[in-house]
């Protein structure tokens, strides 16, 4: 049940974050609109993979996002190559990994604190 809730929260957060970057108007608007989605995408993708090792999963997500960016550089994928996107992918991947680790920690604390009859 905890994993399902975590999945829903990550998906909802990704959608909300994506919409927020699209409609954001405020300080550092160009930064948020330019790189916000590149931070959100790895969080969403991380949630899609069912790999037990969290660090391996994070590596696969970062490598996949980076591969698309490299493909843009060589004209194999539509979009504009921006080396700063790698930083955004790293931030998003680290955020997803951190959320996953915290969720698992809280899940274990709840499990340990539960009285079993």
Foldseek 3Di string as FASTA:
>chain_A
DLLVVLLVVLVVVLVVQVVCLVPPDDPPNCVSVVQSNLLSVLLNQLSVDDDPDLVVSLVVSLVVSVVQLVCVVVVNHDDHRDPCSSVSNVNSSVVNSVSVVVSVVVVVVVVVPDDDD
